[in-house]
Amino acid sequence: LGRHEDAVAQVRRAMALNPHFPEWYRWMLGWSLHHARRYADSNGELQRILKPNNEVRLIMATNHARLAEGAVREGRQTEADLARAAAASLH
């Protein structure tokens, strides 16, 4: 429905209610943050997954690409280079 920040809030609430939440909660939070265009926050959550599968790696690579794109547009070349290197390391 395009209410990505609501999804983020709901997943965070579920995590708070269940301190022993399953790992897929973190995947859902990372995915929701990605759709909310909060790419760095998304990667922060996804990096905490103990055994990331290929889908998690793909979301992370996409986040890095978006971060690099924004950095290049804003003239922050060093940040763009770091994001590209991180994305390249996810293969």
N, C-alpha and C. Protein backbone atom coordinates (compact mmCIF):
# COMPACT_ATOMS: atom_id res chain seq x y z
N LEU A 1 0.80 -1.21 0.00
CA LEU A 1 0.00 0.00 0.00
C LEU A 1 0.85 1.27 0.00
N GLY A 2 2.17 1.12 0.04
CA GLY A 2 3.04 2.27 0.05
C GLY A 2 3.23 2.91 1.41
N ARG A 3 2.79 2.24 2.45
CA ARG A 3 2.93 2.79 3.81
C ARG A 3 4.14 2.14 4.50
N HIS A 4 5.30 2.41 3.95
CA HIS A 4 6.52 1.73 4.38
C HIS A 4 6.95 2.11 5.79
N GLU A 5 6.79 3.35 6.17
CA GLU A 5 7.15 3.75 7.53
C GLU A 5 6.23 3.08 8.55
N ASP A 6 4.97 2.87 8.18
CA ASP A 6 4.07 2.12 9.07
C ASP A 6 4.55 0.68 9.23
N ALA A 7 5.03 0.10 8.15
CA ALA A 7 5.55 -1.27 8.21
C ALA A 7 6.77 -1.32 9.12
N VAL A 8 7.65 -0.34 9.00
CA VAL A 8 8.84 -0.28 9.86
C VAL A 8 8.40 -0.23 11.33
N ALA A 9 7.44 0.64 11.62
CA ALA A 9 6.96 0.78 13.00
C ALA A 9 6.35 -0.53 13.51
N GLN A 10 5.61 -1.21 12.67
CA GLN A 10 4.96 -2.46 13.08
C GLN A 10 5.99 -3.56 13.36
N VAL A 11 7.00 -3.65 12.52
CA VAL A 11 8.03 -4.67 12.75
C VAL A 11 8.82 -4.34 14.01
N ARG A 12 9.15 -3.09 14.19
CA ARG A 12 9.87 -2.70 15.42
C ARG A 12 9.02 -3.01 16.66
N ARG A 13 7.73 -2.80 16.57
CA ARG A 13 6.83 -3.11 17.69
C ARG A 13 6.83 -4.61 17.96
N ALA A 14 6.75 -5.41 16.90
CA ALA A 14 6.78 -6.87 17.06
C ALA A 14 8.09 -7.31 17.72
N MET A 15 9.18 -6.68 17.33
CA MET A 15 10.49 -7.02 17.91
C MET A 15 10.53 -6.65 19.39
N ALA A 16 9.92 -5.52 19.72
CA ALA A 16 9.92 -5.10 21.13
C ALA A 16 9.04 -6.02 21.98
N LEU A 17 7.93 -6.48 21.41
CA LEU A 17 7.02 -7.36 22.14
C LEU A 17 7.59 -8.76 22.33
N ASN A 18 8.44 -9.17 21.41
CA ASN A 18 9.03 -10.50 21.47
C ASN A 18 10.55 -10.36 21.42
N PRO A 19 11.20 -10.22 22.56
CA PRO A 19 12.66 -10.01 22.55
C PRO A 19 13.44 -11.20 21.99
N HIS A 20 12.80 -12.33 21.84
CA HIS A 20 13.45 -13.52 21.25
C HIS A 20 12.86 -13.80 19.87
N PHE A 21 12.69 -12.72 19.12
CA PHE A 21 12.04 -12.83 17.80
C PHE A 21 12.86 -13.68 16.84
N PRO A 22 12.18 -14.33 15.89
CA PRO A 22 12.91 -15.09 14.87
C PRO A 22 13.65 -14.15 13.93
N GLU A 23 14.67 -14.67 13.30
CA GLU A 23 15.54 -13.85 12.45
C GLU A 23 14.79 -13.22 11.27
N TRP A 24 13.72 -13.86 10.83
CA TRP A 24 13.01 -13.30 9.69
C TRP A 24 12.37 -11.95 10.03
N TYR A 25 12.17 -11.61 11.30
CA TYR A 25 11.69 -10.28 11.66
C TYR A 25 12.70 -9.24 11.17
N ARG A 26 13.99 -9.53 11.37
CA ARG A 26 15.03 -8.59 10.96
C ARG A 26 15.04 -8.44 9.43
N TRP A 27 14.81 -9.55 8.72
CA TRP A 27 14.72 -9.49 7.26
C TRP A 27 13.56 -8.58 6.87
N MET A 28 12.42 -8.74 7.52
CA MET A 28 11.24 -7.93 7.21
C MET A 28 11.50 -6.45 7.51
N LEU A 29 12.21 -6.18 8.61
CA LEU A 29 12.54 -4.79 8.93
C LEU A 29 13.48 -4.22 7.87
N GLY A 30 14.50 -4.97 7.48
CA GLY A 30 15.42 -4.50 6.44
C GLY A 30 14.71 -4.23 5.12
N TRP A 31 13.80 -5.11 4.77
CA TRP A 31 13.03 -4.96 3.53
C TRP A 31 12.14 -3.72 3.61
N SER A 32 11.48 -3.52 4.75
CA SER A 32 10.60 -2.35 4.93
C SER A 32 11.41 -1.06 4.88
N LEU A 33 12.57 -1.06 5.52
CA LEU A 33 13.43 0.12 5.48
C LEU A 33 13.91 0.40 4.06
N HIS A 34 14.20 -0.66 3.31
CA HIS A 34 14.61 -0.49 1.91
C HIS A 34 13.49 0.22 1.13
N HIS A 35 12.27 -0.25 1.28
CA HIS A 35 11.16 0.36 0.56
C HIS A 35 10.87 1.78 1.03
N ALA A 36 11.24 2.09 2.26
CA ALA A 36 11.09 3.45 2.78
C ALA A 36 12.25 4.34 2.33
N ARG A 37 13.13 3.78 1.51
CA ARG A 37 14.31 4.48 0.97
C ARG A 37 15.30 4.88 2.06
N ARG A 38 15.34 4.08 3.10
CA ARG A 38 16.30 4.28 4.19
C ARG A 38 17.35 3.18 4.05
N TYR A 39 18.15 3.32 3.00
CA TYR A 39 19.06 2.26 2.57
C TYR A 39 20.14 1.94 3.60
N ALA A 40 20.73 2.94 4.20
CA ALA A 40 21.77 2.68 5.20
C ALA A 40 21.19 1.97 6.42
N ASP A 41 20.00 2.40 6.86
CA ASP A 41 19.33 1.73 7.98
C ASP A 41 18.99 0.29 7.62
N SER A 42 18.55 0.10 6.39
CA SER A 42 18.21 -1.25 5.92
C SER A 42 19.43 -2.16 5.99
N ASN A 43 20.55 -1.67 5.47
CA ASN A 43 21.77 -2.49 5.51
C ASN A 43 22.21 -2.76 6.94
N GLY A 44 22.04 -1.78 7.80
CA GLY A 44 22.40 -1.99 9.21
C GLY A 44 21.64 -3.15 9.82
N GLU A 45 20.37 -3.25 9.52
CA GLU A 45 19.57 -4.37 10.04
C GLU A 45 19.94 -5.68 9.36
N LEU A 46 20.07 -5.64 8.04
CA LEU A 46 20.34 -6.87 7.30
C LEU A 46 21.71 -7.45 7.65
N GLN A 47 22.67 -6.60 7.99
CA GLN A 47 24.00 -7.08 8.36
C GLN A 47 23.98 -7.84 9.68
N ARG A 48 22.93 -7.68 10.44
CA ARG A 48 22.82 -8.37 11.73
C ARG A 48 22.25 -9.78 11.59
N ILE A 49 21.82 -10.14 10.38
CA ILE A 49 21.29 -11.49 10.15
C ILE A 49 22.46 -12.47 10.18
N LEU A 50 22.32 -13.51 10.98
CA LEU A 50 23.42 -14.45 11.19
C LEU A 50 23.77 -15.25 9.95
N LYS A 51 22.79 -15.72 9.23
CA LYS A 51 23.03 -16.53 8.03
C LYS A 51 22.26 -15.93 6.85
N PRO A 52 22.78 -14.85 6.26
CA PRO A 52 22.05 -14.21 5.16
C PRO A 52 21.99 -15.09 3.93
N ASN A 53 20.81 -15.16 3.33
CA ASN A 53 20.66 -15.91 2.09
C ASN A 53 20.88 -14.98 0.90
N ASN A 54 20.75 -15.50 -0.30
CA ASN A 54 21.00 -14.69 -1.49
C ASN A 54 20.03 -13.51 -1.61
N GLU A 55 18.80 -13.69 -1.16
CA GLU A 55 17.84 -12.60 -1.22
C GLU A 55 18.28 -11.43 -0.33
N VAL A 56 18.77 -11.73 0.85
CA VAL A 56 19.28 -10.68 1.74
C VAL A 56 20.47 -9.99 1.09
N ARG A 57 21.37 -10.75 0.51
CA ARG A 57 22.54 -10.16 -0.16
C ARG A 57 22.11 -9.26 -1.32
N LEU A 58 21.08 -9.66 -2.05
CA LEU A 58 20.58 -8.85 -3.16
C LEU A 58 20.02 -7.53 -2.67
N ILE A 59 19.24 -7.55 -1.58
CA ILE A 59 18.69 -6.31 -1.02
C ILE A 59 19.85 -5.41 -0.59
N MET A 60 20.86 -5.98 0.05
CA MET A 60 22.00 -5.19 0.51
C MET A 60 22.75 -4.58 -0.67
N ALA A 61 22.95 -5.34 -1.72
CA ALA A 61 23.64 -4.81 -2.90
C ALA A 61 22.84 -3.67 -3.52
N THR A 62 21.52 -3.83 -3.58
CA THR A 62 20.66 -2.77 -4.11
C THR A 62 20.76 -1.52 -3.23
N ASN A 63 20.75 -1.71 -1.91
CA ASN A 63 20.90 -0.57 -1.00
C ASN A 63 22.21 0.15 -1.26
N HIS A 64 23.30 -0.61 -1.41
CA HIS A 64 24.60 0.01 -1.67
C HIS A 64 24.58 0.77 -2.99
N ALA A 65 23.92 0.21 -3.99
CA ALA A 65 23.83 0.90 -5.29
C ALA A 65 23.08 2.21 -5.15
N ARG A 66 21.98 2.20 -4.40
CA ARG A 66 21.21 3.43 -4.18
C ARG A 66 22.03 4.46 -3.41
N LEU A 67 22.77 4.01 -2.40
CA LEU A 67 23.61 4.92 -1.63
C LEU A 67 24.70 5.53 -2.52
N ALA A 68 25.30 4.70 -3.37
CA ALA A 68 26.34 5.19 -4.27
C ALA A 68 25.76 6.20 -5.27
N GLU A 69 24.59 5.90 -5.79
CA GLU A 69 23.93 6.80 -6.74
C GLU A 69 23.70 8.18 -6.11
N GLY A 70 23.18 8.17 -4.88
CA GLY A 70 22.94 9.45 -4.20
C GLY A 70 24.23 10.18 -3.90
N ALA A 71 25.26 9.45 -3.51
CA ALA A 71 26.54 10.07 -3.19
C ALA A 71 27.15 10.72 -4.43
N VAL A 72 27.08 10.05 -5.57
CA VAL A 72 27.62 10.59 -6.81
C VAL A 72 26.87 11.87 -7.19
N ARG A 73 25.53 11.82 -7.11
CA ARG A 73 24.74 13.00 -7.44
C ARG A 73 25.09 14.19 -6.55
N GLU A 74 25.43 13.91 -5.31
CA GLU A 74 25.74 14.98 -4.36
C GLU A 74 27.23 15.30 -4.31
N GLY A 75 28.02 14.68 -5.18
CA GLY A 75 29.44 14.98 -5.27
C GLY A 75 30.29 14.38 -4.16
N ARG A 76 29.79 13.36 -3.51
CA ARG A 76 30.55 12.70 -2.44
C ARG A 76 31.17 11.43 -3.03
N GLN A 77 32.21 11.61 -3.81
CA GLN A 77 32.82 10.50 -4.55
C GLN A 77 33.39 9.43 -3.64
N THR A 78 34.02 9.81 -2.54
CA THR A 78 34.62 8.83 -1.64
C THR A 78 33.55 7.89 -1.09
N GLU A 79 32.42 8.46 -0.69
CA GLU A 79 31.31 7.66 -0.19
C GLU A 79 30.77 6.73 -1.28
N ALA A 80 30.69 7.23 -2.49
CA ALA A 80 30.22 6.42 -3.62
C ALA A 80 31.16 5.26 -3.86
N ASP A 81 32.46 5.51 -3.79
CA ASP A 81 33.44 4.44 -3.99
C ASP A 81 33.32 3.37 -2.90
N LEU A 82 33.10 3.79 -1.66
CA LEU A 82 32.93 2.83 -0.57
C LEU A 82 31.68 1.98 -0.78
N ALA A 83 30.61 2.60 -1.20
CA ALA A 83 29.36 1.87 -1.44
C ALA A 83 29.54 0.88 -2.58
N ARG A 84 30.22 1.30 -3.64
CA ARG A 84 30.46 0.39 -4.77
C ARG A 84 31.30 -0.82 -4.33
N ALA A 85 32.32 -0.56 -3.54
CA ALA A 85 33.19 -1.64 -3.07
C ALA A 85 32.40 -2.62 -2.19
N ALA A 86 31.54 -2.10 -1.35
CA ALA A 86 30.72 -2.96 -0.50
C ALA A 86 29.78 -3.80 -1.34
N ALA A 87 29.18 -3.20 -2.36
CA ALA A 87 28.27 -3.96 -3.23
C ALA A 87 29.02 -5.04 -3.99
N ALA A 88 30.21 -4.72 -4.45
CA ALA A 88 31.01 -5.69 -5.20
C ALA A 88 31.42 -6.87 -4.33
N SER A 89 31.56 -6.63 -3.05
CA SER A 89 31.99 -7.73 -2.15
C SER A 89 30.88 -8.70 -1.82
N LEU A 90 29.66 -8.41 -2.23
CA LEU A 90 28.51 -9.25 -1.87
C LEU A 90 28.25 -10.39 -2.86
N HIS A 91 29.07 -10.59 -3.82
CA HIS A 91 28.82 -11.66 -4.81
C HIS A 91 29.07 -13.02 -4.29
